[in-house]
Structures are given as C-alpha cells and as structure tokens.
Amino acid sequence: MIISELKDNLVKGDRRAIAQAMTLVESSRPEHQHNAQALLAMILPLTEKSFRIGISGAPGVGKSTFIESFGRDLLQKGHRVAVLAIDPSSTLSKGSILADKTRMVTLSQSPDAFIRPSPSGGILGGTAQRTTDVIRIAEAAGFDIILIETVGVGQSELAVYDLSDMVLLLLGPALGDELQGIKKGIVEIADLIVINKADSGLEERCLQTAQAYRGALEMSRPRLQSWTPKVEVISAIESKGFQALFKDIEDYKVVTQTSGEWQTRRQSQAQHWLEEEMKALLWQKIQTAWDAEIQKSLTLIKDKKSTPSQEAQRIICENEGAHSSMKSNTV
C-alpha cells in the first residue's frame, strides 16, 4: 500500500479511498497501525474544520430516521455530511449488526454524504475506540458536518461528549416515571434536547414532554456559561420542526465560538484522548511484559488465596522495586 496515493485519493473524495482509510485506522494489526499513523500525519492540516454533532438516545426513539431526514436537509443547505453510526458489538462473537446504511437510503445514495457503520467493539460509551481517527479521515475528505450516532445505552453514552462539538439528545414522548432520569446522565451534557415522533396523534404528548424537560432544565445549572440547552419538538418522518432545530444549532455554534468555549472543549477532548491512548498502550505493554505474573495472580484468585486488588498491588510494587533496582545499578 502506498500511503501517499491513498492520501491523494482520499482528499479528492474518492469513496473507495475513504472507506479504505477508515478501515486502516480502525485495524488493530501493528502493520496497519503503522500505516494509519503515517496517513494521519499527512492529513492533519486538513482536519479540525468540521462541525461534529453527537446524536444520542435510547433504542427506538428514531435516531436513524432522524439522521436520514436531518442529513437530507443538510445536503440541501449545501453541506457535505458524514455519518459515523456506531453499532453495538456482541461481547461473545464480536460481531455487530451494522444496519444503519440500509435504513438511511437517501443519504447512502448521495455523492455528498458518506455513511460509515462501525462496530463499537464493546467499548464503554457506545463509541468505537478509533472514532477520533475516523473523524479526521472524514474531515480530510471534505465533509464539513460529522454526525456521530451512538448505540444508545444509558450512562455509558457520556463518552459522546468527548467526540463532538455539540450533543443532541433525541427522546420520544414520555411522562411520569419515564422522566425521572432527567437530572443526571446524558441529559446533563446535552446541548440540545429533541423530542421526536410529534405525529400520528402523539403531538400533545410530545409537547407535554418538552415542557417537562424545559422545567427541569430551568432548575439546573447550565454546563456552559454562553449557552442554555434548548428543547425542541419534531417529527423526523414529516421533517416537522426542523427550522427551529437548525436555528438552535447555528446559534449554539456562534455563541460558543465567540465565548471560546468551543475551542476549550476541543482542547479538553485532545487531552482526554491522549490519556486514553496512553492507558491502552501501557496496558498492552504490561500484558506482554508481566504475562507470567498476571497468570500466577489469576491462579491465586481462582483458588481463593488472594483478591484482584491484592494481586494488582503486589504486581505493581514488585515490578516497581525491580525497575528501581535496575536503575540504581546502572548509575
């Protein structure tokens, strides 16, 4: 593989090159990761220029239908849209459904849109481990709007905050006990709450749900100084309510960029993913270097002669001691 040629074709918007580049950065094979890092280094000047919108919500609220309608309207406004649909992976077979492309027919057929279904690999947070690199590939290919659809699994959805410039939480009409979770979780980091399914006789329930969320948000402290989260009611099937939605999104972009909170968020995300990558690499090194010790500890734990916390502390302390002794002997 000639990485420079892949980069050139990627920048030209060649769809096969885009898919190939995304597959490369998602691969865990060492030789692929070497090429992936070389490619990412080449395209870095072309990245960080998109608007990244994280779209979260429980299964069944209509995320794919919403993205299809929302994305179609974005195309009509002259944007180029990339959809990164993170599908849940089985912890047993490691397989995933990856069906979003079949549910987003209009977007999948448009030359100005690109849909990338990616398995989450069981990663907590509903986002694939290499999603940050896939985002950079999409940006280098000229997509100015990146929609990140997460798997929709409760508190773990908070990881979408570290990938996006704005978090859009999609909800269905609900009342009573179903509103009890509004004080914590993903609602706390949502920049825009959207109540979907205002059609087929559910309009009144959607309006009531929206009012309940507005009341709850008035009693909570806004996460950003420059922005108070908005609540909108829409019908993704009928594309109803999208005008207010687009205004909120544009207002959010303007006020957060003017206040500097947009830039601060990007910097915080860079630190977060640096730390996550370092943790992952260090754990790989630990598994390789201390495999015998780890296996010994697992035997002790299985035989009920020790606990995971005791063994973790023992391994670290003993190897730290050996490391210090080696350093002192070489001085």
Protein backbone atom coordinates (compact mmCIF):
# COMPACT_ATOMS: atom_id res chain seq x y z
CA MET A 1 0.00 0.00 0.00
CA ILE A 2 1.34 3.42 -0.99
CA ILE A 3 0.11 5.77 1.71
CA SER A 4 0.75 8.93 -0.30
CA GLU A 5 -1.53 7.69 -3.09
CA LEU A 6 -4.23 6.76 -0.57
CA LYS A 7 -3.98 10.24 0.91
CA ASP A 8 -4.29 11.91 -2.51
CA ASN A 9 -7.35 9.86 -3.46
CA LEU A 10 -8.87 10.45 -0.04
CA VAL A 11 -8.52 14.22 -0.35
CA LYS A 12 -10.14 14.06 -3.80
CA GLY A 13 -13.18 12.48 -2.18
CA ASP A 14 -12.77 9.04 -3.73
CA ARG A 15 -15.28 6.92 -1.80
CA ARG A 16 -13.25 3.74 -2.07
CA ALA A 17 -10.20 5.54 -0.67
CA ILE A 18 -12.28 7.00 2.19
CA ALA A 19 -13.56 3.54 3.15
CA GLN A 20 -10.07 2.04 2.83
CA ALA A 21 -8.55 4.76 5.02
CA MET A 22 -11.22 4.32 7.70
CA THR A 23 -10.71 0.57 7.71
CA LEU A 24 -6.97 1.13 8.06
CA VAL A 25 -7.23 3.37 11.14
CA GLU A 26 -9.76 1.02 12.76
CA SER A 27 -7.50 -2.01 12.35
CA SER A 28 -5.63 -3.27 15.41
CA ARG A 29 -2.91 -5.04 13.41
CA PRO A 30 0.52 -3.48 14.14
CA GLU A 31 1.49 -3.12 10.46
CA HIS A 32 -1.85 -1.44 9.73
CA GLN A 33 -1.47 0.93 12.66
CA HIS A 34 1.98 1.95 11.40
CA ASN A 35 0.50 2.91 8.03
CA ALA A 36 -2.51 4.51 9.70
CA GLN A 37 -0.33 6.83 11.77
CA ALA A 38 1.64 7.79 8.65
CA LEU A 39 -1.61 8.62 6.84
CA LEU A 40 -2.97 10.63 9.77
CA ALA A 41 0.24 12.66 9.92
CA MET A 42 -0.19 13.58 6.24
CA ILE A 43 -3.80 14.72 6.58
CA LEU A 44 -3.59 16.59 9.91
CA PRO A 45 -3.51 20.07 8.25
CA LEU A 46 -6.87 19.22 6.63
CA THR A 47 -8.63 18.27 9.86
CA GLU A 48 -10.36 20.12 12.71
CA LYS A 49 -12.55 22.06 10.26
CA SER A 50 -15.87 20.29 10.65
CA PHE A 51 -18.86 20.68 12.96
CA ARG A 52 -19.17 17.44 14.93
CA ILE A 53 -22.63 16.64 16.29
CA GLY A 54 -23.08 13.68 18.62
CA ILE A 55 -26.57 12.18 18.40
CA SER A 56 -27.65 10.04 21.31
CA GLY A 57 -30.85 8.48 22.53
CA ALA A 58 -32.31 5.18 23.63
CA PRO A 59 -33.08 2.49 21.05
CA GLY A 60 -36.47 3.05 19.46
CA VAL A 61 -36.59 6.86 19.56
CA GLY A 62 -35.91 7.07 15.84
CA LYS A 63 -32.24 8.05 15.62
CA SER A 64 -31.71 6.58 12.15
CA THR A 65 -34.92 8.11 10.80
CA PHE A 66 -33.96 11.45 12.29
CA ILE A 67 -30.45 11.34 10.82
CA GLU A 68 -31.85 10.46 7.39
CA SER A 69 -34.19 13.49 7.43
CA PHE A 70 -31.71 15.79 9.16
CA GLY A 71 -28.90 14.78 6.82
CA ARG A 72 -31.09 15.27 3.74
CA ASP A 73 -31.86 18.84 4.85
CA LEU A 74 -28.17 19.49 5.48
CA LEU A 75 -27.38 18.37 1.94
CA GLN A 76 -30.00 20.76 0.59
CA LYS A 77 -28.28 23.57 2.51
CA GLY A 78 -25.03 22.79 0.67
CA HIS A 79 -23.21 20.78 3.34
CA ARG A 80 -21.29 17.55 2.88
CA VAL A 81 -22.31 15.08 5.57
CA ALA A 82 -20.51 12.09 7.07
CA VAL A 83 -22.44 9.78 9.37
CA LEU A 84 -20.48 7.61 11.77
CA ALA A 85 -23.01 5.11 13.05
CA ILE A 86 -21.55 3.16 15.94
CA ASP A 87 -23.24 -0.23 16.21
CA PRO A 88 -23.13 -2.39 19.34
CA SER A 89 -20.80 -5.37 19.17
CA SER A 90 -21.51 -8.72 20.72
CA THR A 91 -19.15 -9.46 23.60
CA LEU A 92 -19.31 -13.13 22.57
CA SER A 93 -18.98 -13.19 18.79
CA LYS A 94 -17.55 -9.63 18.45
CA GLY A 95 -20.00 -9.19 15.57
CA SER A 96 -22.35 -6.24 15.07
CA ILE A 97 -25.49 -5.53 13.10
CA LEU A 98 -24.23 -2.57 11.04
CA ALA A 99 -27.68 -1.94 9.57
CA ASP A 100 -27.77 1.86 9.59
CA LYS A 101 -26.72 2.12 5.96
CA THR A 102 -29.82 0.20 4.89
CA ARG A 103 -32.03 2.50 6.98
CA MET A 104 -30.57 5.72 5.51
CA VAL A 105 -31.36 5.17 1.84
CA THR A 106 -31.28 8.81 0.68
CA LEU A 107 -28.00 9.62 2.38
CA SER A 108 -26.30 6.43 1.26
CA GLN A 109 -27.06 7.30 -2.37
CA SER A 110 -25.89 10.91 -2.25
CA PRO A 111 -22.36 11.73 -3.51
CA ASP A 112 -22.15 14.43 -0.81
CA ALA A 113 -22.81 12.03 2.04
CA PHE A 114 -20.86 9.11 3.45
CA ILE A 115 -22.16 6.60 5.98
CA ARG A 116 -19.69 4.58 7.98
CA PRO A 117 -21.22 1.89 10.22
CA SER A 118 -18.54 0.89 12.71
CA PRO A 119 -18.68 -1.78 15.43
CA SER A 120 -18.19 -0.40 18.92
CA GLY A 121 -16.10 -3.42 19.87
CA GLY A 122 -17.77 -3.46 23.26
CA ILE A 123 -16.22 -0.10 24.16
CA LEU A 124 -17.97 1.57 27.08
CA GLY A 125 -19.54 4.78 25.92
CA GLY A 126 -21.12 3.45 22.76
CA THR A 127 -18.31 4.77 20.57
CA ALA A 128 -15.66 2.86 18.66
CA GLN A 129 -12.13 3.18 20.02
CA ARG A 130 -10.79 4.71 16.81
CA THR A 131 -13.69 7.04 16.14
CA THR A 132 -11.48 10.11 16.62
CA ASP A 133 -9.23 8.96 13.77
CA VAL A 134 -12.21 8.10 11.57
CA ILE A 135 -13.50 11.64 12.14
CA ARG A 136 -10.18 13.02 10.89
CA ILE A 137 -10.42 10.88 7.75
CA ALA A 138 -13.91 12.25 7.07
CA GLU A 139 -12.71 15.82 7.60
CA ALA A 140 -9.77 15.37 5.23
CA ALA A 141 -12.20 14.06 2.61
CA GLY A 142 -14.08 17.37 2.76
CA PHE A 143 -17.10 16.55 4.92
CA ASP A 144 -17.94 19.64 6.95
CA ILE A 145 -20.69 18.10 9.10
CA ILE A 146 -19.91 14.92 11.05
CA LEU A 147 -22.88 13.16 12.67
CA ILE A 148 -21.87 10.62 15.32
CA GLU A 149 -24.71 8.24 16.17
CA THR A 150 -24.09 6.27 19.36
CA VAL A 151 -25.51 2.91 20.37
CA GLY A 152 -27.92 4.32 22.94
CA VAL A 153 -27.11 2.56 26.20
CA GLY A 154 -27.70 4.78 29.21
CA GLN A 155 -24.93 6.32 31.29
CA SER A 156 -22.17 4.98 29.04
CA GLU A 157 -23.41 7.38 26.36
CA LEU A 158 -21.49 10.15 28.15
CA ALA A 159 -18.44 9.29 26.05
CA VAL A 160 -20.05 11.04 23.07
CA TYR A 161 -19.25 14.35 24.78
CA ASP A 162 -15.54 13.74 24.20
CA LEU A 163 -16.08 13.29 20.45
CA SER A 164 -18.42 16.09 19.50
CA ASP A 165 -18.77 19.86 19.46
CA MET A 166 -22.44 19.55 20.30
CA VAL A 167 -24.51 16.77 21.86
CA LEU A 168 -28.05 16.32 20.57
CA LEU A 169 -30.21 14.06 22.72
CA LEU A 170 -33.16 12.50 20.91
CA LEU A 171 -36.10 11.43 23.06
CA GLY A 172 -39.57 10.08 22.50
CA PRO A 173 -42.82 11.25 24.10
CA ALA A 174 -42.93 10.14 27.72
CA LEU A 175 -44.50 11.18 31.01
CA GLY A 176 -44.43 10.29 34.70
CA ASP A 177 -41.79 7.85 35.87
CA GLU A 178 -40.07 7.91 32.49
CA LEU A 179 -38.92 11.49 33.24
CA GLN A 180 -37.18 10.63 36.50
CA GLY A 181 -33.77 10.33 34.83
CA ILE A 182 -33.67 13.94 33.67
CA LYS A 183 -31.43 15.14 36.49
CA LYS A 184 -28.41 13.05 35.59
CA GLY A 185 -26.69 11.11 32.87
CA ILE A 186 -26.61 12.20 29.28
CA VAL A 187 -29.18 14.96 29.85
CA GLU A 188 -26.56 16.84 31.86
CA ILE A 189 -24.23 17.05 28.88
CA ALA A 190 -26.88 17.50 26.18
CA ASP A 191 -26.67 20.85 24.38
CA LEU A 192 -29.97 20.32 22.59
CA ILE A 193 -32.86 18.04 23.56
CA VAL A 194 -35.15 16.96 20.74
CA ILE A 195 -38.50 15.27 21.34
CA ASN A 196 -39.27 13.15 18.29
CA LYS A 197 -42.45 11.48 16.97
CA ALA A 198 -44.75 14.53 17.02
CA ASP A 199 -47.03 12.74 14.55
CA SER A 200 -49.71 10.04 14.44
CA GLY A 201 -51.62 11.55 17.35
CA LEU A 202 -48.61 11.93 19.67
CA GLU A 203 -48.22 15.69 19.20
CA GLU A 204 -49.75 16.61 22.56
CA ARG A 205 -47.67 14.08 24.48
CA CYS A 206 -44.52 15.39 22.78
CA LEU A 207 -45.38 18.96 23.77
CA GLN A 208 -46.01 17.90 27.37
CA THR A 209 -42.73 16.01 27.46
CA ALA A 210 -40.86 19.00 26.08
CA GLN A 211 -42.41 21.28 28.69
CA ALA A 212 -41.36 18.90 31.47
CA TYR A 213 -37.77 18.93 30.25
CA ARG A 214 -37.75 22.72 29.91
CA GLY A 215 -38.91 23.00 33.51
CA ALA A 216 -36.21 20.62 34.70
CA LEU A 217 -33.51 22.49 32.78
CA GLU A 218 -34.60 25.80 34.32
CA MET A 219 -33.85 24.36 37.75
CA SER A 220 -30.42 23.03 36.79
CA ARG A 221 -27.18 24.91 36.31
CA PRO A 222 -26.15 25.25 32.65
CA ARG A 223 -22.91 23.44 31.82
CA LEU A 224 -21.75 26.32 29.59
CA GLN A 225 -21.76 30.00 30.51
CA SER A 226 -22.71 31.07 26.99
CA TRP A 227 -25.43 28.51 26.25
CA THR A 228 -28.60 27.25 27.90
CA PRO A 229 -29.79 23.92 26.40
CA LYS A 230 -32.91 24.19 24.26
CA VAL A 231 -35.77 21.71 23.91
CA GLU A 232 -37.50 21.28 20.55
CA VAL A 233 -40.35 19.10 19.30
CA ILE A 234 -40.08 17.48 15.86
CA SER A 235 -41.36 14.76 13.60
CA ALA A 236 -38.46 13.07 11.82
CA ILE A 237 -40.86 11.26 9.49
CA GLU A 238 -42.52 14.51 8.38
CA SER A 239 -39.41 16.74 8.80
CA LYS A 240 -41.55 18.94 11.02
CA GLY A 241 -39.91 21.36 13.46
CA PHE A 242 -36.54 21.30 11.70
CA GLN A 243 -36.42 25.05 11.12
CA ALA A 244 -36.22 25.77 14.85
CA LEU A 245 -33.72 22.95 15.20
CA PHE A 246 -31.35 24.41 12.61
CA LYS A 247 -31.61 27.85 14.22
CA ASP A 248 -30.66 26.42 17.63
CA ILE A 249 -27.67 24.62 16.12
CA GLU A 250 -26.42 27.73 14.34
CA ASP A 251 -26.95 29.87 17.46
CA TYR A 252 -25.00 27.34 19.54
CA LYS A 253 -22.11 27.37 17.11
CA VAL A 254 -21.92 31.18 17.06
CA VAL A 255 -22.15 31.78 20.82
CA THR A 256 -19.73 29.01 21.85
CA GLN A 257 -17.13 30.03 19.27
CA THR A 258 -17.46 33.67 20.32
CA SER A 259 -17.12 32.81 24.02
CA GLY A 260 -14.14 30.50 23.40
CA GLU A 261 -15.92 27.51 24.96
CA TRP A 262 -15.90 25.69 21.60
CA GLN A 263 -12.09 25.90 21.46
CA THR A 264 -11.74 24.94 25.13
CA ARG A 265 -13.87 21.85 24.54
CA ARG A 266 -11.71 20.75 21.61
CA GLN A 267 -8.55 21.16 23.74
CA SER A 268 -10.10 19.19 26.59
CA GLN A 269 -11.03 16.41 24.17
CA ALA A 270 -7.47 16.26 22.82
CA GLN A 271 -6.16 15.76 26.36
CA HIS A 272 -8.79 13.12 27.09
CA TRP A 273 -7.95 11.02 24.01
CA LEU A 274 -4.20 11.39 24.61
CA GLU A 275 -4.70 9.94 28.08
CA GLU A 276 -6.94 7.15 26.77
CA GLU A 277 -4.40 6.17 24.11
CA MET A 278 -1.60 6.15 26.68
CA LYS A 279 -3.64 3.94 29.02
CA ALA A 280 -4.36 1.49 26.19
CA LEU A 281 -0.71 1.34 25.08
CA LEU A 282 0.58 0.96 28.63
CA TRP A 283 -1.85 -1.89 29.29
CA GLN A 284 -0.66 -3.68 26.15
CA LYS A 285 2.93 -3.36 27.36
CA ILE A 286 2.00 -4.57 30.83
CA GLN A 287 0.22 -7.63 29.44
CA THR A 288 3.27 -8.52 27.36
CA ALA A 289 5.95 -7.84 29.96
CA TRP A 290 4.15 -9.21 33.01
CA ASP A 291 2.17 -12.07 31.47
CA ALA A 292 3.69 -14.70 33.77
CA GLU A 293 2.92 -12.62 36.86
CA ILE A 294 -0.62 -11.99 35.70
CA GLN A 295 -1.24 -15.70 35.09
CA LYS A 296 0.16 -16.50 38.53
CA SER A 297 -2.19 -13.95 40.09
CA LEU A 298 -5.18 -15.35 38.20
CA THR A 299 -4.42 -18.80 39.64
CA LEU A 300 -4.24 -17.40 43.18
CA ILE A 301 -7.52 -15.55 42.69
CA LYS A 302 -9.22 -18.64 41.27
CA ASP A 303 -8.01 -20.72 44.26
CA LYS A 304 -9.35 -18.03 46.63
CA LYS A 305 -5.88 -17.35 48.01
CA SER A 306 -5.88 -13.71 47.03
CA THR A 307 -8.06 -10.95 45.59
CA PRO A 308 -7.77 -8.91 42.38
CA SER A 309 -6.90 -5.74 44.31
CA GLN A 310 -4.22 -7.52 46.36
CA GLU A 311 -2.64 -9.06 43.28
CA ALA A 312 -2.69 -5.81 41.33
CA GLN A 313 -0.89 -4.02 44.14
CA ARG A 314 1.62 -6.88 44.52
CA ILE A 315 2.49 -6.98 40.82
CA ILE A 316 2.94 -3.22 40.63
CA CYS A 317 5.01 -2.99 43.82
CA GLU A 318 7.29 -5.91 42.94
CA ASN A 319 7.93 -4.70 39.42
CA GLU A 320 8.45 -1.12 40.55
CA GLY A 321 11.05 -2.40 43.00
CA ALA A 322 12.82 -4.37 40.28
CA HIS A 323 12.74 -1.37 37.96
CA SER A 324 14.23 0.91 40.66
CA SER A 325 16.96 -1.63 41.42
CA MET A 326 17.91 -1.84 37.75
CA LYS A 327 18.15 1.95 37.52
CA SER A 328 20.36 2.25 40.60
CA ASN A 329 22.71 -0.46 39.31
CA THR A 330 23.21 1.36 36.01
CA VAL A 331 24.07 4.73 37.57
